[in-house]
Amino acid sequence: MGIFSFLFKKEETDFYRLLMDHSEKVYEAYKALTAFLKEGRGDSPLGDDVMRLEREADDIRRILIDKLNQTLVTPFDREDINELSREIDDVIDAAKSTVEEIRIFEVDPDKYLLKMSEILEKGTLELHDALRNLEEHPNVAKEHAVRAKQTENHIHHVYLSALQKLFKAEDRSAGYMFEMREIYRHLNRSSDRCDDAANVILDIIVKTE
């Protein structure tokens, strides 16, 4: 094979597939997080599923970056590929941090954490469906991305309600309030990253039209 044939050969890396696989792990992680929180016990072994899925998502992220560094031609802007994968990874990192801190602080999940996780479960499914349709059906992908963006507002309302309830509680210590606020923040920030990921998808659709 000549040097020019090597340089300009068709790239076999399927970045669409890698991003789909990555987003699927995130959705599965929030399904697992919801199941963990429904148990209502911080020591529930169901949290281990979240940790496992986060590690698997990290592996996909590393593979994607490695392939990106080896590839001359990508199906769309390589910076968008990297940013989208990074935002998706940040979403699942928040699920991991939620489980970790519930266990470290030895607190039991409450209804607000469960509600936020349920909203994020739906939002990450919309992200996954957006990526699943991005290559062949961009208009369908756009609809899913727009719905994924709604996650941020829904989460923020629950987050504010949770804080209001938390700081009005007279039977809770300052330490407990601080711990729960930090855990709430993980899922609130996760919704921001979900919104950012959806925005990248929408930008990609505009650029590739």
N, C-alpha and C. Protein backbone atom coordinates (compact mmCIF):
# COMPACT_ATOMS: atom_id res chain seq x y z
N MET A 1 0.86 -1.20 0.00
CA MET A 1 0.00 0.00 0.00
C MET A 1 0.88 1.24 0.00
N GLY A 2 0.66 2.17 -0.96
CA GLY A 2 1.44 3.38 -1.04
C GLY A 2 1.11 4.33 0.09
N ILE A 3 1.97 5.32 0.27
CA ILE A 3 1.79 6.25 1.37
C ILE A 3 0.49 7.04 1.24
N PHE A 4 0.14 7.43 -0.02
CA PHE A 4 -1.09 8.21 -0.19
C PHE A 4 -2.32 7.35 0.02
N SER A 5 -2.23 6.10 -0.38
CA SER A 5 -3.36 5.18 -0.14
C SER A 5 -3.56 4.99 1.35
N PHE A 6 -2.45 4.92 2.07
CA PHE A 6 -2.55 4.73 3.53
C PHE A 6 -3.16 5.95 4.20
N LEU A 7 -2.70 7.12 3.78
CA LEU A 7 -3.16 8.35 4.42
C LEU A 7 -4.63 8.64 4.16
N PHE A 8 -5.08 8.29 2.95
CA PHE A 8 -6.43 8.67 2.57
C PHE A 8 -7.37 7.48 2.46
N LYS A 9 -7.01 6.36 3.07
CA LYS A 9 -7.90 5.21 3.06
C LYS A 9 -9.15 5.52 3.88
N LYS A 10 -10.21 4.83 3.58
CA LYS A 10 -11.48 5.03 4.29
C LYS A 10 -11.29 4.69 5.76
N GLU A 11 -11.69 5.59 6.63
CA GLU A 11 -11.59 5.37 8.07
C GLU A 11 -12.66 4.39 8.52
N GLU A 12 -12.24 3.37 9.22
CA GLU A 12 -13.16 2.32 9.63
C GLU A 12 -13.76 2.55 11.01
N THR A 13 -13.21 3.47 11.77
CA THR A 13 -13.75 3.72 13.11
C THR A 13 -15.14 4.31 13.01
N ASP A 14 -16.09 3.68 13.69
CA ASP A 14 -17.47 4.15 13.67
C ASP A 14 -17.70 5.01 14.92
N PHE A 15 -17.48 6.30 14.77
CA PHE A 15 -17.64 7.21 15.91
C PHE A 15 -19.09 7.33 16.34
N TYR A 16 -20.00 7.20 15.39
CA TYR A 16 -21.41 7.20 15.76
C TYR A 16 -21.70 6.06 16.73
N ARG A 17 -21.16 4.89 16.42
CA ARG A 17 -21.38 3.71 17.26
C ARG A 17 -20.74 3.90 18.64
N LEU A 18 -19.54 4.43 18.68
CA LEU A 18 -18.88 4.65 19.97
C LEU A 18 -19.67 5.62 20.84
N LEU A 19 -20.17 6.68 20.24
CA LEU A 19 -20.97 7.64 21.00
C LEU A 19 -22.29 7.03 21.46
N MET A 20 -22.89 6.20 20.60
CA MET A 20 -24.11 5.49 21.00
C MET A 20 -23.84 4.56 22.18
N ASP A 21 -22.75 3.82 22.08
CA ASP A 21 -22.39 2.89 23.16
C ASP A 21 -22.13 3.65 24.47
N HIS A 22 -21.46 4.78 24.34
CA HIS A 22 -21.15 5.60 25.51
C HIS A 22 -22.43 6.09 26.18
N SER A 23 -23.33 6.64 25.36
CA SER A 23 -24.58 7.18 25.91
C SER A 23 -25.47 6.08 26.46
N GLU A 24 -25.37 4.88 25.89
CA GLU A 24 -26.18 3.77 26.41
C GLU A 24 -25.75 3.39 27.82
N LYS A 25 -24.44 3.42 28.06
CA LYS A 25 -23.94 3.13 29.41
C LYS A 25 -24.45 4.17 30.42
N VAL A 26 -24.53 5.42 29.97
CA VAL A 26 -25.01 6.48 30.85
C VAL A 26 -26.48 6.25 31.20
N TYR A 27 -27.27 5.93 30.20
CA TYR A 27 -28.69 5.63 30.45
C TYR A 27 -28.84 4.44 31.39
N GLU A 28 -28.07 3.39 31.14
CA GLU A 28 -28.13 2.21 32.01
C GLU A 28 -27.72 2.56 33.44
N ALA A 29 -26.75 3.45 33.57
CA ALA A 29 -26.29 3.86 34.91
C ALA A 29 -27.39 4.58 35.67
N TYR A 30 -28.16 5.41 34.98
CA TYR A 30 -29.24 6.11 35.68
C TYR A 30 -30.42 5.20 35.97
N LYS A 31 -30.63 4.20 35.14
CA LYS A 31 -31.61 3.17 35.50
C LYS A 31 -31.17 2.47 36.78
N ALA A 32 -29.88 2.15 36.85
CA ALA A 32 -29.33 1.48 38.03
C ALA A 32 -29.38 2.41 39.25
N LEU A 33 -29.09 3.69 39.04
CA LEU A 33 -29.13 4.64 40.16
C LEU A 33 -30.55 4.77 40.70
N THR A 34 -31.53 4.82 39.81
CA THR A 34 -32.92 4.89 40.24
C THR A 34 -33.29 3.67 41.08
N ALA A 35 -32.86 2.50 40.63
CA ALA A 35 -33.14 1.26 41.38
C ALA A 35 -32.48 1.30 42.75
N PHE A 36 -31.25 1.81 42.79
CA PHE A 36 -30.51 1.94 44.05
C PHE A 36 -31.23 2.88 45.01
N LEU A 37 -31.67 4.02 44.51
CA LEU A 37 -32.33 5.01 45.35
C LEU A 37 -33.71 4.54 45.81
N LYS A 38 -34.38 3.75 45.00
CA LYS A 38 -35.69 3.22 45.38
C LYS A 38 -35.58 2.30 46.59
N GLU A 39 -34.43 1.67 46.75
CA GLU A 39 -34.21 0.81 47.91
C GLU A 39 -34.30 1.60 49.21
N GLY A 40 -33.94 2.88 49.12
CA GLY A 40 -34.02 3.73 50.30
C GLY A 40 -32.95 3.46 51.34
N ARG A 41 -31.93 2.70 50.94
CA ARG A 41 -30.85 2.36 51.88
C ARG A 41 -29.51 2.70 51.23
N GLY A 42 -28.70 3.47 51.92
CA GLY A 42 -27.41 3.84 51.39
C GLY A 42 -26.46 2.66 51.22
N ASP A 43 -26.70 1.59 51.99
CA ASP A 43 -25.80 0.44 51.90
C ASP A 43 -26.31 -0.61 50.91
N SER A 44 -27.29 -0.28 50.09
CA SER A 44 -27.82 -1.24 49.12
C SER A 44 -26.73 -1.64 48.12
N PRO A 45 -26.58 -2.94 47.84
CA PRO A 45 -25.57 -3.39 46.87
C PRO A 45 -25.89 -2.98 45.45
N LEU A 46 -27.11 -2.48 45.20
CA LEU A 46 -27.47 -2.05 43.85
C LEU A 46 -26.59 -0.89 43.37
N GLY A 47 -26.00 -0.18 44.32
CA GLY A 47 -25.09 0.91 43.94
C GLY A 47 -23.87 0.41 43.18
N ASP A 48 -23.52 -0.86 43.39
CA ASP A 48 -22.36 -1.42 42.69
C ASP A 48 -22.58 -1.44 41.18
N ASP A 49 -23.83 -1.57 40.75
CA ASP A 49 -24.13 -1.57 39.32
C ASP A 49 -23.78 -0.22 38.70
N VAL A 50 -24.06 0.84 39.42
CA VAL A 50 -23.72 2.18 38.94
C VAL A 50 -22.21 2.32 38.79
N MET A 51 -21.47 1.84 39.77
CA MET A 51 -20.01 1.94 39.73
C MET A 51 -19.43 1.15 38.56
N ARG A 52 -19.98 -0.03 38.33
CA ARG A 52 -19.50 -0.87 37.22
C ARG A 52 -19.77 -0.19 35.88
N LEU A 53 -20.96 0.33 35.70
CA LEU A 53 -21.32 0.98 34.44
C LEU A 53 -20.48 2.24 34.20
N GLU A 54 -20.14 2.94 35.27
CA GLU A 54 -19.29 4.12 35.11
C GLU A 54 -17.90 3.72 34.63
N ARG A 55 -17.37 2.60 35.14
CA ARG A 55 -16.06 2.12 34.67
C ARG A 55 -16.13 1.70 33.21
N GLU A 56 -17.21 1.05 32.82
CA GLU A 56 -17.37 0.63 31.43
C GLU A 56 -17.49 1.85 30.51
N ALA A 57 -18.18 2.88 30.97
CA ALA A 57 -18.28 4.11 30.19
C ALA A 57 -16.91 4.78 30.04
N ASP A 58 -16.11 4.75 31.09
CA ASP A 58 -14.75 5.30 31.02
C ASP A 58 -13.92 4.57 29.98
N ASP A 59 -14.07 3.26 29.90
CA ASP A 59 -13.34 2.48 28.90
C ASP A 59 -13.72 2.92 27.49
N ILE A 60 -15.01 3.13 27.26
CA ILE A 60 -15.46 3.57 25.94
C ILE A 60 -14.90 4.95 25.63
N ARG A 61 -14.90 5.82 26.61
CA ARG A 61 -14.36 7.17 26.44
C ARG A 61 -12.87 7.11 26.06
N ARG A 62 -12.12 6.25 26.72
CA ARG A 62 -10.69 6.13 26.41
C ARG A 62 -10.47 5.58 25.00
N ILE A 63 -11.27 4.60 24.62
CA ILE A 63 -11.17 4.04 23.27
C ILE A 63 -11.47 5.11 22.23
N LEU A 64 -12.53 5.89 22.48
CA LEU A 64 -12.92 6.93 21.54
C LEU A 64 -11.80 7.96 21.37
N ILE A 65 -11.21 8.39 22.47
CA ILE A 65 -10.12 9.38 22.39
C ILE A 65 -8.92 8.80 21.66
N ASP A 66 -8.61 7.55 21.94
CA ASP A 66 -7.50 6.88 21.27
C ASP A 66 -7.74 6.82 19.76
N LYS A 67 -8.94 6.43 19.36
CA LYS A 67 -9.29 6.35 17.94
C LYS A 67 -9.28 7.73 17.31
N LEU A 68 -9.74 8.72 18.05
CA LEU A 68 -9.78 10.08 17.54
C LEU A 68 -8.37 10.59 17.24
N ASN A 69 -7.43 10.25 18.10
CA ASN A 69 -6.04 10.67 17.91
C ASN A 69 -5.37 9.96 16.74
N GLN A 70 -5.90 8.81 16.35
CA GLN A 70 -5.32 8.03 15.26
C GLN A 70 -5.99 8.29 13.91
N THR A 71 -7.04 9.08 13.91
CA THR A 71 -7.88 9.23 12.72
C THR A 71 -7.69 10.59 12.06
N LEU A 72 -7.48 10.58 10.74
CA LEU A 72 -7.33 11.82 10.01
C LEU A 72 -8.68 12.43 9.63
N VAL A 73 -9.60 11.58 9.23
CA VAL A 73 -10.90 12.06 8.75
C VAL A 73 -11.99 11.53 9.66
N THR A 74 -12.83 12.42 10.17
CA THR A 74 -13.93 12.03 11.05
C THR A 74 -15.26 12.42 10.40
N PRO A 75 -16.36 11.78 10.78
CA PRO A 75 -17.66 12.06 10.14
C PRO A 75 -18.18 13.46 10.41
N PHE A 76 -17.74 14.06 11.50
CA PHE A 76 -18.03 15.46 11.79
C PHE A 76 -16.89 15.99 12.66
N ASP A 77 -16.93 17.25 12.98
CA ASP A 77 -15.83 17.94 13.66
C ASP A 77 -15.29 17.13 14.84
N ARG A 78 -13.99 16.88 14.83
CA ARG A 78 -13.38 16.08 15.89
C ARG A 78 -13.52 16.76 17.26
N GLU A 79 -13.51 18.07 17.29
CA GLU A 79 -13.71 18.77 18.56
C GLU A 79 -15.11 18.53 19.11
N ASP A 80 -16.08 18.44 18.22
CA ASP A 80 -17.45 18.13 18.66
C ASP A 80 -17.55 16.70 19.19
N ILE A 81 -16.84 15.78 18.54
CA ILE A 81 -16.83 14.39 19.02
C ILE A 81 -16.26 14.33 20.43
N ASN A 82 -15.13 15.00 20.62
CA ASN A 82 -14.48 15.00 21.93
C ASN A 82 -15.35 15.68 22.99
N GLU A 83 -15.91 16.84 22.65
CA GLU A 83 -16.73 17.57 23.61
C GLU A 83 -17.98 16.79 23.98
N LEU A 84 -18.62 16.18 22.99
CA LEU A 84 -19.84 15.41 23.25
C LEU A 84 -19.55 14.23 24.17
N SER A 85 -18.47 13.52 23.89
CA SER A 85 -18.09 12.39 24.73
C SER A 85 -17.75 12.85 26.15
N ARG A 86 -17.09 13.98 26.27
CA ARG A 86 -16.72 14.51 27.59
C ARG A 86 -17.96 14.89 28.40
N GLU A 87 -18.92 15.54 27.74
CA GLU A 87 -20.15 15.92 28.44
C GLU A 87 -20.93 14.68 28.88
N ILE A 88 -21.01 13.70 28.00
CA ILE A 88 -21.70 12.45 28.34
C ILE A 88 -21.03 11.78 29.53
N ASP A 89 -19.70 11.80 29.53
CA ASP A 89 -18.96 11.17 30.62
C ASP A 89 -19.18 11.90 31.94
N ASP A 90 -19.30 13.22 31.87
CA ASP A 90 -19.57 13.99 33.09
C ASP A 90 -20.94 13.65 33.68
N VAL A 91 -21.90 13.34 32.81
CA VAL A 91 -23.24 12.97 33.29
C VAL A 91 -23.17 11.69 34.12
N ILE A 92 -22.43 10.70 33.65
CA ILE A 92 -22.35 9.44 34.39
C ILE A 92 -21.45 9.57 35.62
N ASP A 93 -20.47 10.46 35.56
CA ASP A 93 -19.63 10.69 36.74
C ASP A 93 -20.46 11.16 37.93
N ALA A 94 -21.50 11.94 37.65
CA ALA A 94 -22.37 12.44 38.72
C ALA A 94 -23.14 11.31 39.38
N ALA A 95 -23.53 10.31 38.59
CA ALA A 95 -24.22 9.15 39.16
C ALA A 95 -23.29 8.39 40.10
N LYS A 96 -22.05 8.23 39.67
CA LYS A 96 -21.05 7.56 40.51
C LYS A 96 -20.83 8.35 41.81
N SER A 97 -20.66 9.66 41.69
CA SER A 97 -20.42 10.50 42.88
C SER A 97 -21.60 10.45 43.85
N THR A 98 -22.80 10.35 43.31
CA THR A 98 -23.99 10.26 44.16
C THR A 98 -23.95 9.01 45.02
N VAL A 99 -23.64 7.88 44.40
CA VAL A 99 -23.55 6.62 45.16
C VAL A 99 -22.41 6.69 46.17
N GLU A 100 -21.25 7.18 45.72
CA GLU A 100 -20.08 7.25 46.61
C GLU A 100 -20.37 8.07 47.86
N GLU A 101 -20.98 9.23 47.69
CA GLU A 101 -21.17 10.11 48.84
C GLU A 101 -22.32 9.66 49.73
N ILE A 102 -23.32 9.03 49.16
CA ILE A 102 -24.36 8.43 50.01
C ILE A 102 -23.72 7.39 50.93
N ARG A 103 -22.78 6.64 50.40
CA ARG A 103 -22.11 5.61 51.20
C ARG A 103 -21.11 6.22 52.18
N ILE A 104 -20.35 7.20 51.73
CA ILE A 104 -19.36 7.82 52.61
C ILE A 104 -20.03 8.53 53.79
N PHE A 105 -21.08 9.30 53.49
CA PHE A 105 -21.78 10.06 54.53
C PHE A 105 -22.73 9.19 55.35
N GLU A 106 -22.97 7.97 54.85
CA GLU A 106 -23.87 7.03 55.53
C GLU A 106 -25.26 7.64 55.74
N VAL A 107 -25.80 8.18 54.65
CA VAL A 107 -27.15 8.73 54.67
C VAL A 107 -28.04 7.88 53.77
N ASP A 108 -29.32 7.91 54.03
CA ASP A 108 -30.27 7.17 53.20
C ASP A 108 -30.85 8.10 52.14
N PRO A 109 -31.07 7.59 50.94
CA PRO A 109 -31.66 8.41 49.87
C PRO A 109 -33.05 8.90 50.25
N ASP A 110 -33.42 10.07 49.75
CA ASP A 110 -34.76 10.59 50.00
C ASP A 110 -35.54 10.71 48.68
N LYS A 111 -36.76 11.20 48.78
CA LYS A 111 -37.63 11.26 47.60
C LYS A 111 -37.13 12.25 46.55
N TYR A 112 -36.38 13.25 46.98
CA TYR A 112 -35.88 14.24 46.03
C TYR A 112 -34.76 13.66 45.17
N LEU A 113 -33.87 12.92 45.78
CA LEU A 113 -32.83 12.24 45.01
C LEU A 113 -33.44 11.27 44.02
N LEU A 114 -34.44 10.53 44.48
CA LEU A 114 -35.10 9.57 43.60
C LEU A 114 -35.76 10.28 42.42
N LYS A 115 -36.46 11.37 42.69
CA LYS A 115 -37.13 12.11 41.62
C LYS A 115 -36.13 12.64 40.61
N MET A 116 -35.02 13.19 41.09
CA MET A 116 -34.00 13.71 40.17
C MET A 116 -33.41 12.60 39.33
N SER A 117 -33.18 11.45 39.92
CA SER A 117 -32.63 10.32 39.17
C SER A 117 -33.62 9.84 38.11
N GLU A 118 -34.89 9.81 38.45
CA GLU A 118 -35.91 9.40 37.48
C GLU A 118 -35.96 10.36 36.29
N ILE A 119 -35.83 11.65 36.57
CA ILE A 119 -35.82 12.64 35.49
C ILE A 119 -34.58 12.46 34.62
N LEU A 120 -33.43 12.23 35.26
CA LEU A 120 -32.19 12.03 34.51
C LEU A 120 -32.21 10.72 33.73
N GLU A 121 -32.88 9.73 34.26
CA GLU A 121 -33.02 8.47 33.51
C GLU A 121 -33.73 8.73 32.18
N LYS A 122 -34.80 9.52 32.24
CA LYS A 122 -35.53 9.85 31.01
C LYS A 122 -34.69 10.75 30.10
N GLY A 123 -33.98 11.70 30.70
CA GLY A 123 -33.17 12.61 29.91
C GLY A 123 -32.02 11.91 29.21
N THR A 124 -31.38 10.97 29.89
CA THR A 124 -30.27 10.25 29.26
C THR A 124 -30.77 9.29 28.19
N LEU A 125 -31.99 8.81 28.33
CA LEU A 125 -32.58 8.00 27.25
C LEU A 125 -32.81 8.86 26.02
N GLU A 126 -33.25 10.10 26.22
CA GLU A 126 -33.43 11.01 25.09
C GLU A 126 -32.09 11.30 24.41
N LEU A 127 -31.04 11.47 25.20
CA LEU A 127 -29.70 11.67 24.63
C LEU A 127 -29.28 10.46 23.80
N HIS A 128 -29.49 9.28 24.36
CA HIS A 128 -29.12 8.06 23.65
C HIS A 128 -29.91 7.94 22.35
N ASP A 129 -31.20 8.23 22.40
CA ASP A 129 -32.03 8.14 21.19
C ASP A 129 -31.61 9.19 20.17
N ALA A 130 -31.17 10.35 20.64
CA ALA A 130 -30.67 11.37 19.72
C ALA A 130 -29.44 10.86 18.97
N LEU A 131 -28.53 10.25 19.70
CA LEU A 131 -27.31 9.73 19.08
C LEU A 131 -27.59 8.52 18.20
N ARG A 132 -28.57 7.74 18.58
CA ARG A 132 -28.94 6.57 17.79
C ARG A 132 -29.48 6.96 16.41
N ASN A 133 -30.06 8.15 16.33
CA ASN A 133 -30.65 8.61 15.07
C ASN A 133 -29.82 9.67 14.36
N LEU A 134 -28.72 10.07 14.96
CA LEU A 134 -27.96 11.22 14.45
C LEU A 134 -27.48 11.03 13.01
N GLU A 135 -26.96 9.87 12.69
CA GLU A 135 -26.36 9.65 11.38
C GLU A 135 -27.41 9.56 10.27
N GLU A 136 -28.44 8.77 10.49
CA GLU A 136 -29.41 8.48 9.43
C GLU A 136 -30.66 9.36 9.48
N HIS A 137 -31.03 9.80 10.67
CA HIS A 137 -32.28 10.55 10.82
C HIS A 137 -32.06 11.79 11.71
N PRO A 138 -31.34 12.79 11.19
CA PRO A 138 -30.99 13.95 12.02
C PRO A 138 -32.20 14.73 12.54
N ASN A 139 -33.30 14.76 11.80
CA ASN A 139 -34.48 15.47 12.29
C ASN A 139 -35.09 14.79 13.51
N VAL A 140 -35.05 13.46 13.50
CA VAL A 140 -35.51 12.70 14.67
C VAL A 140 -34.56 12.93 15.83
N ALA A 141 -33.26 12.92 15.53
CA ALA A 141 -32.25 13.18 16.57
C ALA A 141 -32.46 14.55 17.20
N LYS A 142 -32.81 15.52 16.38
CA LYS A 142 -33.06 16.88 16.88
C LYS A 142 -34.20 16.89 17.89
N GLU A 143 -35.28 16.17 17.58
CA GLU A 143 -36.43 16.12 18.49
C GLU A 143 -36.03 15.53 19.85
N HIS A 144 -35.23 14.47 19.81
CA HIS A 144 -34.79 13.85 21.06
C HIS A 144 -33.86 14.78 21.83
N ALA A 145 -32.98 15.48 21.12
CA ALA A 145 -32.05 16.39 21.79
C ALA A 145 -32.80 17.54 22.46
N VAL A 146 -33.82 18.05 21.80
CA VAL A 146 -34.62 19.13 22.38
C VAL A 146 -35.31 18.64 23.65
N ARG A 147 -35.82 17.41 23.63
CA ARG A 147 -36.46 16.86 24.83
C ARG A 147 -35.44 16.63 25.94
N ALA A 148 -34.23 16.22 25.56
CA ALA A 148 -33.18 16.02 26.57
C ALA A 148 -32.86 17.33 27.28
N LYS A 149 -32.96 18.45 26.56
CA LYS A 149 -32.67 19.75 27.15
C LYS A 149 -33.67 20.13 28.24
N GLN A 150 -34.85 19.58 28.20
CA GLN A 150 -35.86 19.88 29.21
C GLN A 150 -35.47 19.34 30.59
N THR A 151 -34.56 18.39 30.60
CA THR A 151 -34.11 17.77 31.85
C THR A 151 -33.60 18.81 32.84
N GLU A 152 -32.85 19.78 32.34
CA GLU A 152 -32.23 20.77 33.22
C GLU A 152 -33.28 21.53 34.03
N ASN A 153 -34.32 22.03 33.36
CA ASN A 153 -35.35 22.79 34.08
C ASN A 153 -36.11 21.92 35.08
N HIS A 154 -36.44 20.70 34.67
CA HIS A 154 -37.17 19.80 35.57
C HIS A 154 -36.35 19.50 36.83
N ILE A 155 -35.08 19.22 36.62
CA ILE A 155 -34.19 18.92 37.75
C ILE A 155 -34.05 20.13 38.67
N HIS A 156 -33.91 21.31 38.07
CA HIS A 156 -33.67 22.51 38.88
C HIS A 156 -34.85 22.78 39.82
N HIS A 157 -36.05 22.54 39.36
CA HIS A 157 -37.23 22.74 40.22
C HIS A 157 -37.21 21.78 41.40
N VAL A 158 -36.87 20.52 41.13
CA VAL A 158 -36.80 19.53 42.21
C VAL A 158 -35.66 19.87 43.17
N TYR A 159 -34.54 20.30 42.61
CA TYR A 159 -33.37 20.68 43.42
C TYR A 159 -33.71 21.81 44.39
N LEU A 160 -34.39 22.83 43.90
CA LEU A 160 -34.76 23.95 44.77
C LEU A 160 -35.75 23.52 45.85
N SER A 161 -36.68 22.66 45.48
CA SER A 161 -37.64 22.14 46.47
C SER A 161 -36.92 21.33 47.54
N ALA A 162 -35.93 20.55 47.11
CA ALA A 162 -35.16 19.74 48.04
C ALA A 162 -34.40 20.62 49.03
N LEU A 163 -33.77 21.67 48.53
CA LEU A 163 -33.02 22.58 49.42
C LEU A 163 -33.95 23.30 50.39
N GLN A 164 -35.09 23.73 49.89
CA GLN A 164 -36.05 24.42 50.75
C GLN A 164 -36.50 23.52 51.90
N LYS A 165 -36.82 22.29 51.57
CA LYS A 165 -37.24 21.32 52.59
C LYS A 165 -36.11 21.02 53.56
N LEU A 166 -34.90 20.86 53.00
CA LEU A 166 -33.74 20.50 53.81
C LEU A 166 -33.44 21.55 54.87
N PHE A 167 -33.42 22.82 54.47
CA PHE A 167 -33.00 23.87 55.39
C PHE A 167 -34.12 24.35 56.31
N LYS A 168 -35.31 23.86 56.09
CA LYS A 168 -36.41 24.15 57.01
C LYS A 168 -36.55 23.08 58.09
N ALA A 169 -35.85 21.97 57.88
CA ALA A 169 -35.96 20.86 58.84
C ALA A 169 -35.28 21.24 60.15
N GLU A 170 -36.02 21.17 61.23
CA GLU A 170 -35.48 21.54 62.54
C GLU A 170 -34.85 20.35 63.27
N ASP A 171 -35.13 19.15 62.76
CA ASP A 171 -34.63 17.96 63.44
C ASP A 171 -33.39 17.39 62.77
N ARG A 172 -32.74 18.18 61.89
CA ARG A 172 -31.56 17.71 61.19
C ARG A 172 -30.34 18.53 61.60
N SER A 173 -29.20 17.86 61.70
CA SER A 173 -27.97 18.56 62.07
C SER A 173 -27.43 19.35 60.88
N ALA A 174 -26.56 20.29 61.19
CA ALA A 174 -25.91 21.08 60.13
C ALA A 174 -25.07 20.18 59.24
N GLY A 175 -24.45 19.16 59.85
CA GLY A 175 -23.65 18.23 59.08
C GLY A 175 -24.47 17.47 58.06
N TYR A 176 -25.64 17.01 58.49
CA TYR A 176 -26.53 16.28 57.58
C TYR A 176 -26.98 17.19 56.44
N MET A 177 -27.30 18.43 56.75
CA MET A 177 -27.75 19.36 55.72
C MET A 177 -26.65 19.59 54.68
N PHE A 178 -25.43 19.75 55.15
CA PHE A 178 -24.30 19.94 54.24
C PHE A 178 -24.12 18.72 53.35
N GLU A 179 -24.18 17.54 53.93
CA GLU A 179 -23.97 16.31 53.18
C GLU A 179 -25.03 16.12 52.10
N MET A 180 -26.29 16.33 52.45
CA MET A 180 -27.37 16.15 51.48
C MET A 180 -27.30 17.21 50.38
N ARG A 181 -26.94 18.42 50.76
CA ARG A 181 -26.82 19.48 49.74
C ARG A 181 -25.77 19.10 48.70
N GLU A 182 -24.65 18.55 49.16
CA GLU A 182 -23.60 18.14 48.23
C GLU A 182 -24.09 17.04 47.29
N ILE A 183 -24.85 16.10 47.82
CA ILE A 183 -25.36 15.01 46.99
C ILE A 183 -26.39 15.53 45.99
N TYR A 184 -27.27 16.41 46.44
CA TYR A 184 -28.24 17.02 45.52
C TYR A 184 -27.51 17.73 44.38
N ARG A 185 -26.42 18.40 44.72
CA ARG A 185 -25.69 19.18 43.72
C ARG A 185 -25.16 18.31 42.58
N HIS A 186 -24.76 17.09 42.90
CA HIS A 186 -24.24 16.21 41.84
C HIS A 186 -25.28 16.02 40.74
N LEU A 187 -26.51 15.73 41.14
CA LEU A 187 -27.54 15.47 40.14
C LEU A 187 -27.99 16.76 39.47
N ASN A 188 -27.97 17.86 40.19
CA ASN A 188 -28.30 19.15 39.56
C ASN A 188 -27.26 19.49 38.48
N ARG A 189 -25.99 19.29 38.80
CA ARG A 189 -24.93 19.56 37.82
C ARG A 189 -24.99 18.57 36.66
N SER A 190 -25.40 17.35 36.95
CA SER A 190 -25.53 16.36 35.89
C SER A 190 -26.54 16.82 34.84
N SER A 191 -27.61 17.47 35.30
CA SER A 191 -28.61 17.97 34.34
C SER A 191 -28.02 19.07 33.47
N ASP A 192 -27.10 19.86 34.02
CA ASP A 192 -26.41 20.88 33.22
C ASP A 192 -25.59 20.23 32.12
N ARG A 193 -24.89 19.15 32.46
CA ARG A 193 -24.09 18.46 31.47
C ARG A 193 -24.96 17.77 30.42
N CYS A 194 -26.11 17.29 30.84
CA CYS A 194 -27.07 16.70 29.91
C CYS A 194 -27.52 17.75 28.90
N ASP A 195 -27.76 18.94 29.38
CA ASP A 195 -28.14 20.05 28.51
C ASP A 195 -27.00 20.41 27.56
N ASP A 196 -25.78 20.43 28.08
CA ASP A 196 -24.61 20.74 27.24
C ASP A 196 -24.44 19.70 26.14
N ALA A 197 -24.61 18.43 26.48
CA ALA A 197 -24.48 17.36 25.49
C ALA A 197 -25.53 17.51 24.40
N ALA A 198 -26.75 17.82 24.80
CA ALA A 198 -27.83 18.02 23.82
C ALA A 198 -27.51 19.20 22.90
N ASN A 199 -26.92 20.25 23.45
CA ASN A 199 -26.54 21.41 22.63
C ASN A 199 -25.48 21.04 21.60
N VAL A 200 -24.53 20.20 21.98
CA VAL A 200 -23.51 19.76 21.03
C VAL A 200 -24.16 18.97 19.90
N ILE A 201 -25.09 18.10 20.24
CA ILE A 201 -25.79 17.32 19.22
C ILE A 201 -26.52 18.25 18.25
N LEU A 202 -27.20 19.25 18.79
CA LEU A 202 -27.91 20.20 17.93
C LEU A 202 -26.94 20.99 17.05
N ASP A 203 -25.78 21.34 17.58
CA ASP A 203 -24.76 22.02 16.77
C ASP A 203 -24.26 21.13 15.64
N ILE A 204 -24.05 19.86 15.94
CA ILE A 204 -23.59 18.91 14.92
C ILE A 204 -24.61 18.81 13.79
N ILE A 205 -25.88 18.75 14.16
CA ILE A 205 -26.94 18.65 13.15
C ILE A 205 -26.92 19.87 12.23
N VAL A 206 -26.75 21.06 12.80
CA VAL A 206 -26.70 22.28 12.00
C VAL A 206 -25.50 22.26 11.06
N LYS A 207 -24.35 21.83 11.57
CA LYS A 207 -23.11 21.83 10.77
C LYS A 207 -23.13 20.81 9.65
N THR A 208 -23.87 19.72 9.83
CA THR A 208 -23.85 18.64 8.83
C THR A 208 -25.04 18.68 7.88
N GLU A 209 -25.91 19.67 8.05
CA GLU A 209 -27.07 19.78 7.15
C GLU A 209 -26.62 20.18 5.74
